[in-house]
Amino acid sequence: MEQQDFLPEAAMVASAIARKGTVGGKGVCKSVGLRMPVHLLIYIDAMAAHAGKSRTSMISALLEVGLEEVKKHLDPKTAEELEPMYVDAARDLMPADWEAEVEEF
């Protein structure tokens, strides 16, 4: 499949919210706690309910889209500085017996 055959992540999430597509889980998951403004949680819960997804899967999908968009706007120097930090964090968070290669930041 060629690059143009793939929907951008944001379009896939929007499609899932509209119940016309799916958002698949990826990789190893880790439980985290976080605080967020109530107005964001309201939108997330509404989107998740409309899509028939869990709050967790919707937050993960939205974070993935947001991270991809931010990464597009990083200057090359910052992206280069983040790479070893990303690899170190991946090593710390991945299970010891997990041998797959870390996806490039």
C-alpha atoms as a PDB file:
ATOM      1  CA  MET A   1       0.000   0.000   0.000  1.00  0.00           C
ATOM      2  CA  GLU A   2       1.213   3.461  -0.804  1.00  0.00           C
ATOM      3  CA  GLN A   3       1.381   6.357   1.677  1.00  0.00           C
ATOM      4  CA  GLN A   4      -1.730   8.063   0.253  1.00  0.00           C
ATOM      5  CA  ASP A   5      -3.750   4.887   0.986  1.00  0.00           C
ATOM      6  CA  PHE A   6      -3.480   5.535   4.728  1.00  0.00           C
ATOM      7  CA  LEU A   7      -5.713   7.971   6.578  1.00  0.00           C
ATOM      8  CA  PRO A   8      -3.922  10.473   8.793  1.00  0.00           C
ATOM      9  CA  GLU A   9      -4.287   9.610  12.498  1.00  0.00           C
ATOM     10  CA  ALA A  10      -6.646  12.548  13.118  1.00  0.00           C
ATOM     11  CA  ALA A  11      -8.942  11.392  10.305  1.00  0.00           C
ATOM     12  CA  MET A  12      -8.979   7.855  11.739  1.00  0.00           C
ATOM     13  CA  VAL A  13      -9.980   9.142  15.195  1.00  0.00           C
ATOM     14  CA  ALA A  14     -12.668  11.377  13.686  1.00  0.00           C
ATOM     15  CA  SER A  15     -13.942   8.390  11.708  1.00  0.00           C
ATOM     16  CA  ALA A  16     -14.109   6.282  14.887  1.00  0.00           C
ATOM     17  CA  ILE A  17     -16.021   9.017  16.723  1.00  0.00           C
ATOM     18  CA  ALA A  18     -18.500   9.125  13.833  1.00  0.00           C
ATOM     19  CA  ARG A  19     -18.771   5.311  14.102  1.00  0.00           C
ATOM     20  CA  LYS A  20     -17.486   4.871  10.562  1.00  0.00           C
ATOM     21  CA  GLY A  21     -14.090   3.418  11.421  1.00  0.00           C
ATOM     22  CA  THR A  22     -12.000   2.004  14.226  1.00  0.00           C
ATOM     23  CA  VAL A  23      -9.072   3.034  16.352  1.00  0.00           C
ATOM     24  CA  GLY A  24      -6.841   0.078  17.110  1.00  0.00           C
ATOM     25  CA  GLY A  25      -4.650  -0.332  20.145  1.00  0.00           C
ATOM     26  CA  LYS A  26      -0.916  -0.406  19.633  1.00  0.00           C
ATOM     27  CA  GLY A  27       1.922  -1.891  21.580  1.00  0.00           C
ATOM     28  CA  VAL A  28       2.522  -2.347  25.258  1.00  0.00           C
ATOM     29  CA  CYS A  29       0.265  -0.358  27.584  1.00  0.00           C
ATOM     30  CA  LYS A  30       1.059   1.099  30.991  1.00  0.00           C
ATOM     31  CA  SER A  31      -1.446   2.448  33.498  1.00  0.00           C
ATOM     32  CA  VAL A  32      -0.980   6.126  34.401  1.00  0.00           C
ATOM     33  CA  GLY A  33      -2.938   8.569  36.529  1.00  0.00           C
ATOM     34  CA  LEU A  34      -3.489  12.142  35.455  1.00  0.00           C
ATOM     35  CA  ARG A  35      -5.523  15.221  36.223  1.00  0.00           C
ATOM     36  CA  MET A  36      -7.215  17.113  33.438  1.00  0.00           C
ATOM     37  CA  PRO A  37      -9.583  20.032  33.143  1.00  0.00           C
ATOM     38  CA  VAL A  38     -13.227  18.972  33.385  1.00  0.00           C
ATOM     39  CA  HIS A  39     -14.121  20.634  30.078  1.00  0.00           C
ATOM     40  CA  LEU A  40     -11.670  18.325  28.281  1.00  0.00           C
ATOM     41  CA  LEU A  41     -13.013  15.259  30.065  1.00  0.00           C
ATOM     42  CA  ILE A  42     -16.551  16.202  29.030  1.00  0.00           C
ATOM     43  CA  TYR A  43     -15.545  16.254  25.356  1.00  0.00           C
ATOM     44  CA  ILE A  44     -13.542  13.053  25.686  1.00  0.00           C
ATOM     45  CA  ASP A  45     -16.392  11.208  27.378  1.00  0.00           C
ATOM     46  CA  ALA A  46     -18.890  12.433  24.775  1.00  0.00           C
ATOM     47  CA  MET A  47     -16.613  11.360  21.912  1.00  0.00           C
ATOM     48  CA  ALA A  48     -15.935   7.987  23.530  1.00  0.00           C
ATOM     49  CA  ALA A  49     -19.631   7.346  24.157  1.00  0.00           C
ATOM     50  CA  HIS A  50     -20.560   8.317  20.613  1.00  0.00           C
ATOM     51  CA  ALA A  51     -17.863   6.037  19.194  1.00  0.00           C
ATOM     52  CA  GLY A  52     -18.718   3.185  21.559  1.00  0.00           C
ATOM     53  CA  LYS A  53     -15.155   3.280  22.925  1.00  0.00           C
ATOM     54  CA  SER A  54     -13.758   3.493  26.418  1.00  0.00           C
ATOM     55  CA  ARG A  55     -12.492   6.741  27.901  1.00  0.00           C
ATOM     56  CA  THR A  56      -9.009   5.203  27.991  1.00  0.00           C
ATOM     57  CA  SER A  57      -8.981   4.250  24.313  1.00  0.00           C
ATOM     58  CA  MET A  58     -10.276   7.695  23.323  1.00  0.00           C
ATOM     59  CA  ILE A  59      -7.648   9.489  25.428  1.00  0.00           C
ATOM     60  CA  SER A  60      -4.932   7.273  23.919  1.00  0.00           C
ATOM     61  CA  ALA A  61      -6.137   7.948  20.374  1.00  0.00           C
ATOM     62  CA  LEU A  62      -6.356  11.698  20.950  1.00  0.00           C
ATOM     63  CA  LEU A  63      -2.918  11.802  22.585  1.00  0.00           C
ATOM     64  CA  GLU A  64      -1.408   9.895  19.688  1.00  0.00           C
ATOM     65  CA  VAL A  65      -2.908  12.351  17.209  1.00  0.00           C
ATOM     66  CA  GLY A  66      -1.749  15.317  19.272  1.00  0.00           C
ATOM     67  CA  LEU A  67       1.780  13.984  19.628  1.00  0.00           C
ATOM     68  CA  GLU A  68       2.060  13.315  15.895  1.00  0.00           C
ATOM     69  CA  GLU A  69       0.897  16.856  15.140  1.00  0.00           C
ATOM     70  CA  VAL A  70       3.336  18.416  17.621  1.00  0.00           C
ATOM     71  CA  LYS A  71       6.217  16.311  16.269  1.00  0.00           C
ATOM     72  CA  LYS A  72       5.552  17.751  12.796  1.00  0.00           C
ATOM     73  CA  HIS A  73       6.264  21.223  14.181  1.00  0.00           C
ATOM     74  CA  LEU A  74       9.443  20.476  16.133  1.00  0.00           C
ATOM     75  CA  ASP A  75      12.555  22.118  14.831  1.00  0.00           C
ATOM     76  CA  PRO A  76      15.267  19.607  13.835  1.00  0.00           C
ATOM     77  CA  LYS A  77      17.490  20.465  16.822  1.00  0.00           C
ATOM     78  CA  THR A  78      14.720  19.810  19.353  1.00  0.00           C
ATOM     79  CA  ALA A  79      13.711  16.583  17.584  1.00  0.00           C
ATOM     80  CA  GLU A  80      17.332  15.434  17.703  1.00  0.00           C
ATOM     81  CA  GLU A  81      17.600  16.275  21.421  1.00  0.00           C
ATOM     82  CA  LEU A  82      14.408  14.336  22.167  1.00  0.00           C
ATOM     83  CA  GLU A  83      15.510  11.131  20.422  1.00  0.00           C
ATOM     84  CA  PRO A  84      17.871   9.801  23.155  1.00  0.00           C
ATOM     85  CA  MET A  85      15.369  10.855  25.842  1.00  0.00           C
ATOM     86  CA  TYR A  86      12.658   8.892  24.038  1.00  0.00           C
ATOM     87  CA  VAL A  87      14.875   5.806  23.796  1.00  0.00           C
ATOM     88  CA  ASP A  88      15.824   6.022  27.506  1.00  0.00           C
ATOM     89  CA  ALA A  89      12.161   6.400  28.539  1.00  0.00           C
ATOM     90  CA  ALA A  90      11.213   3.437  26.347  1.00  0.00           C
ATOM     91  CA  ARG A  91      13.882   1.278  27.973  1.00  0.00           C
ATOM     92  CA  ASP A  92      12.649   2.283  31.440  1.00  0.00           C
ATOM     93  CA  LEU A  93       8.970   1.632  30.670  1.00  0.00           C
ATOM     94  CA  MET A  94       9.129  -1.515  28.554  1.00  0.00           C
ATOM     95  CA  PRO A  95       9.073  -4.933  30.228  1.00  0.00           C
ATOM     96  CA  ALA A  96      12.535  -6.442  30.617  1.00  0.00           C
ATOM     97  CA  ASP A  97      11.734  -9.373  28.320  1.00  0.00           C
ATOM     98  CA  TRP A  98      10.352  -7.186  25.542  1.00  0.00           C
ATOM     99  CA  GLU A  99      12.801  -7.405  22.645  1.00  0.00           C
ATOM    100  CA  ALA A 100      11.028  -5.554  19.851  1.00  0.00           C
ATOM    101  CA  GLU A 101      12.711  -2.488  18.481  1.00  0.00           C
ATOM    102  CA  VAL A 102      11.558   0.860  19.834  1.00  0.00           C
ATOM    103  CA  GLU A 103       9.591   2.837  17.241  1.00  0.00           C
ATOM    104  CA  GLU A 104      11.510   5.879  16.076  1.00  0.00           C
ATOM    105  CA  PHE A 105      10.437   9.109  17.752  1.00  0.00           C
END
